[in-house]
Amino acid sequence: MPPDDELIRSTMLELLAATRDGTTICPSQIARRLEHDERDWRALMPTVRNCARALAREGRLEVTQRGVVLSPEADWRGALRLRRRRRLP
């Protein structure tokens, strides 16, 4: 049985909490942590991206591409990175 959204979201936030400010992680890191077989973690990637989108909408993380923050409403294509939301000074 594949991991549910809550487990994916909590794993994503756990991995991000362990990073330094400004450091990014790849969504595949979440999928690989939850599913060890390559076919299984690759199949999990759309769900991981959907969970990242939901957390970005909630303001809990930022999704970036080539260093640019993407809107959670945008049509994401290609390689993405995730990072903790930057705090305003």
Protein backbone atom coordinates (compact mmCIF):
# COMPACT_ATOMS: atom_id res chain seq x y z
CA MET A 1 0.00 0.00 0.00
CA PRO A 2 1.50 3.38 -0.98
CA PRO A 3 2.05 6.04 1.70
CA ASP A 4 -0.86 8.38 2.30
CA ASP A 5 -0.72 12.16 1.88
CA GLU A 6 -0.31 12.77 5.60
CA LEU A 7 2.79 10.58 5.79
CA ILE A 8 4.23 12.23 2.67
CA ARG A 9 3.59 15.71 4.06
CA SER A 10 5.07 14.90 7.46
CA THR A 11 8.15 13.31 5.87
CA MET A 12 8.57 16.37 3.64
CA LEU A 13 8.39 18.74 6.61
CA GLU A 14 10.73 16.53 8.65
CA LEU A 15 13.38 16.55 5.92
CA LEU A 16 13.03 20.30 5.46
CA ALA A 17 13.30 20.90 9.21
CA ALA A 18 16.70 19.18 9.12
CA THR A 19 18.06 21.58 6.48
CA ARG A 20 19.80 24.91 6.95
CA ASP A 21 17.98 28.08 5.88
CA GLY A 22 18.01 28.40 2.12
CA THR A 23 18.97 24.78 1.53
CA THR A 24 16.72 22.86 -0.83
CA ILE A 25 15.75 19.24 -1.16
CA CYS A 26 14.56 17.31 -4.18
CA PRO A 27 11.03 15.90 -4.09
CA SER A 28 12.52 12.52 -5.00
CA GLN A 29 14.25 12.47 -1.59
CA ILE A 30 10.83 12.22 0.03
CA ALA A 31 9.66 9.52 -2.38
CA ARG A 32 12.88 7.52 -1.92
CA ARG A 33 12.63 7.69 1.84
CA LEU A 34 9.13 6.23 1.71
CA GLU A 35 9.55 3.73 -1.15
CA HIS A 36 12.90 2.00 -1.68
CA ASP A 37 12.16 0.25 -4.96
CA GLU A 38 12.82 2.59 -7.93
CA ARG A 39 9.56 1.74 -9.67
CA ASP A 40 7.61 2.44 -6.47
CA TRP A 41 9.25 5.77 -5.61
CA ARG A 42 8.91 7.00 -9.19
CA ALA A 43 5.21 6.13 -9.12
CA LEU A 44 4.89 8.15 -5.90
CA MET A 45 6.32 11.34 -7.45
CA PRO A 46 3.02 12.87 -8.67
CA THR A 47 1.59 12.49 -5.17
CA VAL A 48 4.73 14.02 -3.63
CA ARG A 49 4.40 17.00 -5.97
CA ASN A 50 0.72 17.38 -5.08
CA CYS A 51 1.59 17.38 -1.38
CA ALA A 52 4.31 19.98 -2.01
CA ARG A 53 1.74 22.11 -3.84
CA ALA A 54 -0.67 21.85 -0.89
CA LEU A 55 2.05 22.82 1.61
CA ALA A 56 3.11 25.73 -0.62
CA ARG A 57 -0.49 26.95 -0.70
CA GLU A 58 -0.51 26.81 3.10
CA GLY A 59 2.70 28.85 3.17
CA ARG A 60 4.70 26.07 4.84
CA LEU A 61 7.31 25.66 2.10
CA GLU A 62 8.48 27.15 -1.18
CA VAL A 63 8.83 25.33 -4.47
CA THR A 64 11.69 26.57 -6.63
CA GLN A 65 13.06 25.99 -10.09
CA ARG A 66 16.52 27.30 -10.95
CA GLY A 67 16.37 29.40 -7.77
CA VAL A 68 13.07 31.10 -8.62
CA VAL A 69 10.09 30.59 -6.30
CA LEU A 70 7.14 29.15 -8.21
CA SER A 71 3.50 29.88 -7.53
CA PRO A 72 1.60 26.92 -6.12
CA GLU A 73 -0.99 27.67 -8.82
CA ALA A 74 1.52 27.45 -11.70
CA ASP A 75 1.81 24.55 -14.13
CA TRP A 76 5.02 22.97 -12.85
CA ARG A 77 7.23 21.20 -15.37
CA GLY A 78 10.73 19.85 -15.00
CA ALA A 79 13.01 19.60 -12.00
CA LEU A 80 11.79 21.23 -8.80
CA ARG A 81 13.38 21.89 -5.43
CA LEU A 82 11.71 22.41 -2.05
CA ARG A 83 12.82 24.66 0.77
CA ARG A 84 11.51 25.98 4.04
CA ARG A 85 9.63 29.21 3.59
CA ARG A 86 11.88 32.18 4.14
CA ARG A 87 11.01 34.30 7.12
CA LEU A 88 10.66 38.02 6.62
CA PRO A 89 13.13 40.12 8.67
